[in-house]
Amino acid sequence: TVSKTPNLKNIVQKLFRHYGLDEPPLADNEDAGKQFRSLLNRIRESGPVMLVLDNVFPGLESFVETLRAQVPDCEIQARVPDCKILITSRVVFPRFETSSLKPLNNDDAVTLFRHVALPKDGKKRTYDPDEQYVQQVCYIHPITLNIV
């Protein structure tokens, strides 16, 4: 998830940790950009890459452009087969190609809630959430279900 005040150095360090790699020392955002580019190129050797920028806040187009500039052949419009950037947001960013999605219906909201809320340890457990409660609390938006 992209915060309201994104920090490229923190994002790059999290990506290195996610891939089980030693975090490089990052002097500044320029250095973070170089390491980001290097990491993405390394990951792309194993296959296609999709960078998901989740819940991007209004006014952060320049941050997205900063990330995009680090890997110029990784397109937001998804025209490069091995590298794509997917942005999720509650607002439209006119600079980028947009696909609007409708809120989840009640059944899909409950299904997603169960997927996120129930343990993934293989043990069968049942949980029958009050559908109206799930809908009220989560406003039928997937990101809210994921955060809750």
N, C-alpha and C. Protein backbone atom coordinates (compact mmCIF):
# COMPACT_ATOMS: atom_id res chain seq x y z
N THR A 1 0.85 -1.17 0.00
CA THR A 1 0.00 0.00 0.00
C THR A 1 0.89 1.23 0.00
N VAL A 2 0.55 2.17 -0.83
CA VAL A 2 1.31 3.42 -0.93
C VAL A 2 0.72 4.40 0.07
N SER A 3 1.55 4.93 0.97
CA SER A 3 1.06 5.86 1.98
C SER A 3 0.82 7.24 1.38
N LYS A 4 0.25 8.13 2.20
CA LYS A 4 0.00 9.50 1.73
C LYS A 4 1.31 10.24 1.49
N THR A 5 2.35 9.83 2.18
CA THR A 5 3.68 10.43 1.99
C THR A 5 4.67 9.30 1.70
N PRO A 6 4.65 8.80 0.46
CA PRO A 6 5.49 7.65 0.14
C PRO A 6 6.98 7.99 0.20
N ASN A 7 7.75 6.99 0.59
CA ASN A 7 9.18 7.15 0.72
C ASN A 7 9.84 6.06 -0.13
N LEU A 8 10.48 6.46 -1.20
CA LEU A 8 11.08 5.50 -2.13
C LEU A 8 12.10 4.62 -1.43
N LYS A 9 12.89 5.19 -0.54
CA LYS A 9 13.89 4.38 0.17
C LYS A 9 13.23 3.26 0.97
N ASN A 10 12.14 3.58 1.67
CA ASN A 10 11.44 2.55 2.46
C ASN A 10 10.84 1.47 1.57
N ILE A 11 10.26 1.88 0.46
CA ILE A 11 9.64 0.92 -0.47
C ILE A 11 10.69 -0.03 -1.02
N VAL A 12 11.83 0.51 -1.42
CA VAL A 12 12.90 -0.32 -1.97
C VAL A 12 13.42 -1.29 -0.91
N GLN A 13 13.61 -0.81 0.30
CA GLN A 13 14.08 -1.69 1.38
C GLN A 13 13.07 -2.81 1.65
N LYS A 14 11.77 -2.50 1.64
CA LYS A 14 10.74 -3.53 1.85
C LYS A 14 10.78 -4.56 0.72
N LEU A 15 10.99 -4.10 -0.50
CA LEU A 15 11.06 -5.04 -1.63
C LEU A 15 12.25 -5.98 -1.48
N PHE A 16 13.39 -5.46 -1.07
CA PHE A 16 14.56 -6.32 -0.87
C PHE A 16 14.27 -7.36 0.22
N ARG A 17 13.66 -6.91 1.33
CA ARG A 17 13.30 -7.85 2.40
C ARG A 17 12.32 -8.90 1.90
N HIS A 18 11.33 -8.46 1.13
CA HIS A 18 10.32 -9.38 0.60
C HIS A 18 10.96 -10.50 -0.21
N TYR A 19 11.98 -10.17 -0.96
CA TYR A 19 12.65 -11.17 -1.79
C TYR A 19 13.79 -11.88 -1.06
N GLY A 20 13.91 -11.65 0.24
CA GLY A 20 14.92 -12.34 1.04
C GLY A 20 16.34 -11.90 0.73
N LEU A 21 16.49 -10.68 0.27
CA LEU A 21 17.81 -10.16 -0.09
C LEU A 21 18.29 -9.18 0.97
N ASP A 22 19.60 -9.04 1.08
CA ASP A 22 20.15 -8.06 2.00
C ASP A 22 19.79 -6.66 1.51
N GLU A 23 19.37 -5.83 2.45
CA GLU A 23 19.01 -4.46 2.09
C GLU A 23 20.28 -3.65 1.83
N PRO A 24 20.36 -3.03 0.67
CA PRO A 24 21.54 -2.21 0.40
C PRO A 24 21.43 -0.88 1.15
N PRO A 25 22.57 -0.30 1.50
CA PRO A 25 22.50 1.04 2.11
C PRO A 25 22.05 2.03 1.04
N LEU A 26 21.10 2.88 1.39
CA LEU A 26 20.56 3.84 0.43
C LEU A 26 20.84 5.25 0.92
N ALA A 27 21.68 5.95 0.18
CA ALA A 27 22.07 7.30 0.58
C ALA A 27 20.94 8.30 0.39
N ASP A 28 20.23 8.18 -0.73
CA ASP A 28 19.17 9.15 -1.05
C ASP A 28 18.20 8.50 -2.02
N ASN A 29 17.22 9.28 -2.49
CA ASN A 29 16.22 8.74 -3.42
C ASN A 29 16.82 8.35 -4.76
N GLU A 30 17.86 9.05 -5.17
CA GLU A 30 18.51 8.68 -6.44
C GLU A 30 19.14 7.29 -6.32
N ASP A 31 19.81 7.06 -5.21
CA ASP A 31 20.40 5.75 -4.95
C ASP A 31 19.31 4.69 -4.83
N ALA A 32 18.21 5.03 -4.15
CA ALA A 32 17.08 4.10 -4.02
C ALA A 32 16.52 3.75 -5.39
N GLY A 33 16.44 4.75 -6.28
CA GLY A 33 15.96 4.51 -7.63
C GLY A 33 16.85 3.54 -8.40
N LYS A 34 18.16 3.70 -8.25
CA LYS A 34 19.09 2.79 -8.92
C LYS A 34 18.94 1.37 -8.40
N GLN A 35 18.82 1.23 -7.08
CA GLN A 35 18.65 -0.10 -6.49
C GLN A 35 17.31 -0.72 -6.89
N PHE A 36 16.27 0.11 -6.97
CA PHE A 36 14.95 -0.35 -7.41
C PHE A 36 15.03 -0.90 -8.83
N ARG A 37 15.68 -0.14 -9.70
CA ARG A 37 15.85 -0.56 -11.10
C ARG A 37 16.64 -1.87 -11.17
N SER A 38 17.70 -1.94 -10.40
CA SER A 38 18.53 -3.15 -10.38
C SER A 38 17.73 -4.36 -9.88
N LEU A 39 16.95 -4.16 -8.82
CA LEU A 39 16.15 -5.25 -8.27
C LEU A 39 15.10 -5.72 -9.27
N LEU A 40 14.40 -4.78 -9.90
CA LEU A 40 13.38 -5.18 -10.88
C LEU A 40 13.99 -5.94 -12.05
N ASN A 41 15.13 -5.48 -12.52
CA ASN A 41 15.79 -6.19 -13.62
C ASN A 41 16.19 -7.60 -13.20
N ARG A 42 16.63 -7.73 -11.96
CA ARG A 42 17.01 -9.04 -11.42
C ARG A 42 15.78 -9.96 -11.34
N ILE A 43 14.68 -9.42 -10.86
CA ILE A 43 13.45 -10.19 -10.73
C ILE A 43 12.93 -10.60 -12.11
N ARG A 44 13.05 -9.71 -13.07
CA ARG A 44 12.54 -9.97 -14.42
C ARG A 44 13.29 -11.12 -15.10
N GLU A 45 14.49 -11.43 -14.64
CA GLU A 45 15.22 -12.56 -15.21
C GLU A 45 14.48 -13.87 -14.97
N SER A 46 13.69 -13.92 -13.89
CA SER A 46 12.94 -15.13 -13.54
C SER A 46 11.58 -15.20 -14.23
N GLY A 47 11.14 -14.11 -14.81
CA GLY A 47 9.84 -14.11 -15.47
C GLY A 47 9.18 -12.75 -15.39
N PRO A 48 7.95 -12.67 -15.86
CA PRO A 48 7.23 -11.39 -15.87
C PRO A 48 7.07 -10.80 -14.47
N VAL A 49 6.99 -9.48 -14.42
CA VAL A 49 6.85 -8.76 -13.16
C VAL A 49 5.64 -7.85 -13.24
N MET A 50 4.86 -7.83 -12.16
CA MET A 50 3.80 -6.84 -12.03
C MET A 50 4.01 -6.13 -10.70
N LEU A 51 4.24 -4.84 -10.77
CA LEU A 51 4.38 -4.02 -9.59
C LEU A 51 3.01 -3.44 -9.28
N VAL A 52 2.46 -3.75 -8.11
CA VAL A 52 1.13 -3.28 -7.73
C VAL A 52 1.30 -2.15 -6.72
N LEU A 53 0.81 -0.99 -7.09
CA LEU A 53 0.78 0.16 -6.19
C LEU A 53 -0.65 0.26 -5.69
N ASP A 54 -0.87 -0.19 -4.47
CA ASP A 54 -2.22 -0.33 -3.94
C ASP A 54 -2.65 0.89 -3.15
N ASN A 55 -3.89 1.32 -3.40
CA ASN A 55 -4.50 2.42 -2.66
C ASN A 55 -3.70 3.72 -2.79
N VAL A 56 -3.38 4.09 -4.00
CA VAL A 56 -2.61 5.31 -4.26
C VAL A 56 -3.52 6.52 -4.03
N PHE A 57 -3.06 7.45 -3.24
CA PHE A 57 -3.85 8.62 -2.88
C PHE A 57 -3.81 9.68 -3.98
N PRO A 58 -4.85 10.54 -4.01
CA PRO A 58 -4.86 11.64 -4.98
C PRO A 58 -3.61 12.51 -4.81
N GLY A 59 -3.10 13.00 -5.91
CA GLY A 59 -1.95 13.88 -5.87
C GLY A 59 -0.61 13.18 -5.90
N LEU A 60 -0.60 11.85 -6.02
CA LEU A 60 0.67 11.13 -6.01
C LEU A 60 1.11 10.67 -7.40
N GLU A 61 0.55 11.30 -8.44
CA GLU A 61 0.96 10.94 -9.79
C GLU A 61 2.46 11.11 -9.99
N SER A 62 3.03 12.15 -9.40
CA SER A 62 4.47 12.39 -9.58
C SER A 62 5.29 11.26 -8.95
N PHE A 63 4.82 10.70 -7.83
CA PHE A 63 5.53 9.58 -7.22
C PHE A 63 5.48 8.36 -8.14
N VAL A 64 4.31 8.11 -8.71
CA VAL A 64 4.17 7.00 -9.66
C VAL A 64 5.10 7.21 -10.84
N GLU A 65 5.17 8.43 -11.34
CA GLU A 65 6.07 8.74 -12.45
C GLU A 65 7.53 8.52 -12.06
N THR A 66 7.88 8.83 -10.81
CA THR A 66 9.24 8.59 -10.33
C THR A 66 9.58 7.11 -10.39
N LEU A 67 8.66 6.27 -9.91
CA LEU A 67 8.89 4.82 -9.99
C LEU A 67 8.99 4.37 -11.43
N ARG A 68 8.08 4.87 -12.23
CA ARG A 68 8.04 4.48 -13.65
C ARG A 68 9.34 4.87 -14.36
N ALA A 69 9.90 6.00 -14.02
CA ALA A 69 11.12 6.48 -14.67
C ALA A 69 12.31 5.57 -14.38
N GLN A 70 12.26 4.86 -13.27
CA GLN A 70 13.36 3.97 -12.92
C GLN A 70 13.44 2.75 -13.84
N VAL A 71 12.30 2.38 -14.38
CA VAL A 71 12.24 1.23 -15.29
C VAL A 71 11.38 1.67 -16.48
N PRO A 72 11.98 2.41 -17.42
CA PRO A 72 11.20 3.02 -18.49
C PRO A 72 10.45 2.03 -19.38
N ASP A 73 10.92 0.79 -19.47
CA ASP A 73 10.20 -0.16 -20.32
C ASP A 73 9.11 -0.90 -19.54
N CYS A 74 8.91 -0.54 -18.27
CA CYS A 74 7.82 -1.10 -17.47
C CYS A 74 6.67 -0.10 -17.54
N GLU A 75 5.64 -0.46 -18.26
CA GLU A 75 4.59 0.48 -18.59
C GLU A 75 3.35 0.34 -17.73
N ILE A 76 2.74 1.46 -17.43
CA ILE A 76 1.46 1.47 -16.73
C ILE A 76 0.37 0.99 -17.67
N GLN A 77 0.50 1.30 -18.95
CA GLN A 77 -0.52 0.88 -19.91
C GLN A 77 -0.40 -0.58 -20.29
N ALA A 78 0.51 -1.30 -19.70
CA ALA A 78 0.65 -2.76 -19.87
C ALA A 78 0.95 -3.16 -21.31
N ARG A 79 1.76 -2.40 -22.00
CA ARG A 79 2.09 -2.75 -23.39
C ARG A 79 3.39 -3.56 -23.48
N VAL A 80 4.11 -3.67 -22.39
CA VAL A 80 5.32 -4.48 -22.37
C VAL A 80 4.97 -5.79 -21.68
N PRO A 81 5.15 -6.92 -22.36
CA PRO A 81 4.64 -8.18 -21.83
C PRO A 81 5.28 -8.65 -20.53
N ASP A 82 6.52 -8.28 -20.24
CA ASP A 82 7.14 -8.85 -19.04
C ASP A 82 7.21 -7.90 -17.85
N CYS A 83 6.66 -6.71 -17.98
CA CYS A 83 6.73 -5.76 -16.87
C CYS A 83 5.53 -4.82 -16.91
N LYS A 84 4.73 -4.86 -15.86
CA LYS A 84 3.53 -4.03 -15.80
C LYS A 84 3.44 -3.36 -14.44
N ILE A 85 2.81 -2.19 -14.42
CA ILE A 85 2.54 -1.50 -13.17
C ILE A 85 1.02 -1.38 -13.05
N LEU A 86 0.48 -1.88 -11.95
CA LEU A 86 -0.96 -1.79 -11.69
C LEU A 86 -1.17 -0.84 -10.52
N ILE A 87 -2.01 0.15 -10.73
CA ILE A 87 -2.31 1.13 -9.69
C ILE A 87 -3.76 0.91 -9.26
N THR A 88 -3.97 0.78 -7.96
CA THR A 88 -5.34 0.77 -7.46
C THR A 88 -5.55 2.04 -6.67
N SER A 89 -6.71 2.64 -6.86
CA SER A 89 -7.01 3.90 -6.20
C SER A 89 -8.51 4.12 -6.21
N ARG A 90 -8.96 4.94 -5.32
CA ARG A 90 -10.38 5.31 -5.31
C ARG A 90 -10.62 6.53 -6.19
N VAL A 91 -9.58 7.09 -6.74
CA VAL A 91 -9.70 8.24 -7.63
C VAL A 91 -9.10 7.90 -8.99
N VAL A 92 -9.49 8.66 -10.00
CA VAL A 92 -8.97 8.47 -11.35
C VAL A 92 -7.73 9.35 -11.53
N PHE A 93 -6.70 8.79 -12.12
CA PHE A 93 -5.50 9.55 -12.47
C PHE A 93 -5.53 9.75 -13.98
N PRO A 94 -5.84 10.96 -14.43
CA PRO A 94 -6.02 11.19 -15.87
C PRO A 94 -4.79 10.85 -16.72
N ARG A 95 -3.60 10.89 -16.15
CA ARG A 95 -2.39 10.59 -16.92
C ARG A 95 -2.29 9.13 -17.33
N PHE A 96 -2.99 8.26 -16.61
CA PHE A 96 -2.83 6.82 -16.81
C PHE A 96 -4.11 6.19 -17.34
N GLU A 97 -3.93 5.12 -18.10
CA GLU A 97 -5.07 4.36 -18.59
C GLU A 97 -5.86 3.83 -17.40
N THR A 98 -7.19 3.95 -17.47
CA THR A 98 -8.02 3.62 -16.32
C THR A 98 -9.07 2.58 -16.65
N SER A 99 -9.28 1.68 -15.73
CA SER A 99 -10.40 0.75 -15.78
C SER A 99 -11.15 0.91 -14.47
N SER A 100 -12.39 1.33 -14.54
CA SER A 100 -13.19 1.51 -13.33
C SER A 100 -13.85 0.19 -12.94
N LEU A 101 -13.80 -0.10 -11.67
CA LEU A 101 -14.43 -1.31 -11.15
C LEU A 101 -15.56 -0.93 -10.21
N LYS A 102 -16.63 -1.68 -10.28
CA LYS A 102 -17.76 -1.44 -9.40
C LYS A 102 -17.49 -2.07 -8.04
N PRO A 103 -18.14 -1.55 -6.99
CA PRO A 103 -18.00 -2.19 -5.68
C PRO A 103 -18.49 -3.63 -5.74
N LEU A 104 -17.99 -4.44 -4.84
CA LEU A 104 -18.40 -5.84 -4.78
C LEU A 104 -19.86 -5.96 -4.37
N ASN A 105 -20.52 -6.99 -4.90
CA ASN A 105 -21.87 -7.27 -4.42
C ASN A 105 -21.75 -7.99 -3.08
N ASN A 106 -22.87 -8.17 -2.42
CA ASN A 106 -22.87 -8.73 -1.07
C ASN A 106 -22.20 -10.11 -1.01
N ASP A 107 -22.54 -11.00 -1.92
CA ASP A 107 -21.97 -12.35 -1.91
C ASP A 107 -20.46 -12.32 -2.11
N ASP A 108 -20.00 -11.52 -3.06
CA ASP A 108 -18.56 -11.43 -3.32
C ASP A 108 -17.82 -10.80 -2.14
N ALA A 109 -18.45 -9.81 -1.48
CA ALA A 109 -17.82 -9.19 -0.31
C ALA A 109 -17.63 -10.21 0.80
N VAL A 110 -18.64 -11.03 1.03
CA VAL A 110 -18.53 -12.06 2.07
C VAL A 110 -17.49 -13.11 1.69
N THR A 111 -17.45 -13.51 0.41
CA THR A 111 -16.46 -14.48 -0.05
C THR A 111 -15.05 -13.95 0.17
N LEU A 112 -14.81 -12.70 -0.21
CA LEU A 112 -13.49 -12.10 -0.01
C LEU A 112 -13.17 -11.98 1.48
N PHE A 113 -14.15 -11.58 2.26
CA PHE A 113 -13.95 -11.48 3.70
C PHE A 113 -13.51 -12.83 4.28
N ARG A 114 -14.19 -13.88 3.89
CA ARG A 114 -13.84 -15.22 4.38
C ARG A 114 -12.43 -15.60 3.94
N HIS A 115 -12.08 -15.27 2.70
CA HIS A 115 -10.75 -15.59 2.19
C HIS A 115 -9.67 -14.90 3.01
N VAL A 116 -9.92 -13.65 3.36
CA VAL A 116 -8.94 -12.87 4.11
C VAL A 116 -8.95 -13.23 5.59
N ALA A 117 -10.14 -13.46 6.15
CA ALA A 117 -10.27 -13.62 7.60
C ALA A 117 -10.00 -15.03 8.11
N LEU A 118 -10.29 -16.03 7.32
CA LEU A 118 -10.14 -17.40 7.81
C LEU A 118 -8.70 -17.86 7.71
N PRO A 119 -8.28 -18.71 8.64
CA PRO A 119 -6.89 -19.18 8.63
C PRO A 119 -6.58 -20.00 7.38
N LYS A 120 -5.34 -19.93 6.98
CA LYS A 120 -4.90 -20.65 5.79
C LYS A 120 -4.01 -21.83 6.19
N ASP A 121 -4.23 -22.35 7.40
CA ASP A 121 -3.39 -23.43 7.90
C ASP A 121 -3.92 -24.81 7.53
N GLY A 122 -4.96 -24.85 6.71
CA GLY A 122 -5.50 -26.14 6.26
C GLY A 122 -6.54 -26.72 7.19
N LYS A 123 -6.71 -26.14 8.36
CA LYS A 123 -7.71 -26.65 9.30
C LYS A 123 -9.09 -26.12 8.89
N LYS A 124 -10.03 -27.02 8.88
CA LYS A 124 -11.40 -26.63 8.52
C LYS A 124 -12.03 -25.91 9.70
N ARG A 125 -12.38 -24.69 9.47
CA ARG A 125 -13.13 -23.93 10.47
C ARG A 125 -14.21 -23.19 9.71
N THR A 126 -15.31 -23.04 10.33
CA THR A 126 -16.38 -22.30 9.67
C THR A 126 -16.58 -20.99 10.38
N TYR A 127 -16.96 -20.04 9.63
CA TYR A 127 -17.28 -18.73 10.16
C TYR A 127 -18.36 -18.18 9.27
N ASP A 128 -19.46 -17.83 9.85
CA ASP A 128 -20.58 -17.33 9.06
C ASP A 128 -20.82 -15.88 9.46
N PRO A 129 -20.13 -14.96 8.80
CA PRO A 129 -20.27 -13.57 9.21
C PRO A 129 -21.66 -13.04 8.90
N ASP A 130 -22.09 -12.11 9.70
CA ASP A 130 -23.35 -11.42 9.43
C ASP A 130 -23.13 -10.57 8.18
N GLU A 131 -23.81 -10.95 7.12
CA GLU A 131 -23.56 -10.29 5.83
C GLU A 131 -23.81 -8.79 5.89
N GLN A 132 -24.83 -8.38 6.63
CA GLN A 132 -25.10 -6.94 6.71
C GLN A 132 -23.97 -6.23 7.44
N TYR A 133 -23.42 -6.87 8.46
CA TYR A 133 -22.32 -6.28 9.20
C TYR A 133 -21.09 -6.10 8.30
N VAL A 134 -20.76 -7.14 7.55
CA VAL A 134 -19.62 -7.07 6.63
C VAL A 134 -19.84 -5.93 5.65
N GLN A 135 -21.04 -5.85 5.12
CA GLN A 135 -21.33 -4.80 4.13
C GLN A 135 -21.23 -3.42 4.76
N GLN A 136 -21.78 -3.25 5.97
CA GLN A 136 -21.75 -1.94 6.63
C GLN A 136 -20.33 -1.52 6.99
N VAL A 137 -19.59 -2.43 7.59
CA VAL A 137 -18.25 -2.09 8.05
C VAL A 137 -17.31 -1.85 6.89
N CYS A 138 -17.41 -2.67 5.87
CA CYS A 138 -16.44 -2.63 4.79
C CYS A 138 -16.88 -1.83 3.57
N TYR A 139 -18.10 -1.35 3.58
CA TYR A 139 -18.60 -0.55 2.46
C TYR A 139 -18.41 -1.23 1.12
N ILE A 140 -18.40 -2.52 1.13
CA ILE A 140 -18.23 -3.38 -0.06
C ILE A 140 -17.05 -3.01 -0.96
N HIS A 141 -15.98 -2.53 -0.36
CA HIS A 141 -14.77 -2.23 -1.13
C HIS A 141 -13.68 -3.23 -0.75
N PRO A 142 -13.10 -3.90 -1.72
CA PRO A 142 -12.09 -4.93 -1.43
C PRO A 142 -10.94 -4.46 -0.56
N ILE A 143 -10.48 -3.23 -0.77
CA ILE A 143 -9.33 -2.78 0.01
C ILE A 143 -9.68 -2.71 1.49
N THR A 144 -10.89 -2.29 1.80
CA THR A 144 -11.32 -2.23 3.18
C THR A 144 -11.37 -3.62 3.77
N LEU A 145 -11.88 -4.57 3.01
CA LEU A 145 -11.94 -5.94 3.48
C LEU A 145 -10.54 -6.46 3.78
N ASN A 146 -9.59 -6.09 2.96
CA ASN A 146 -8.22 -6.55 3.14
C ASN A 146 -7.59 -5.92 4.38
N ILE A 147 -7.90 -4.67 4.66
CA ILE A 147 -7.33 -3.97 5.81
C ILE A 147 -7.95 -4.49 7.10
N VAL A 148 -9.27 -4.69 7.10
CA VAL A 148 -9.97 -5.17 8.28
C VAL A 148 -9.43 -6.53 8.63
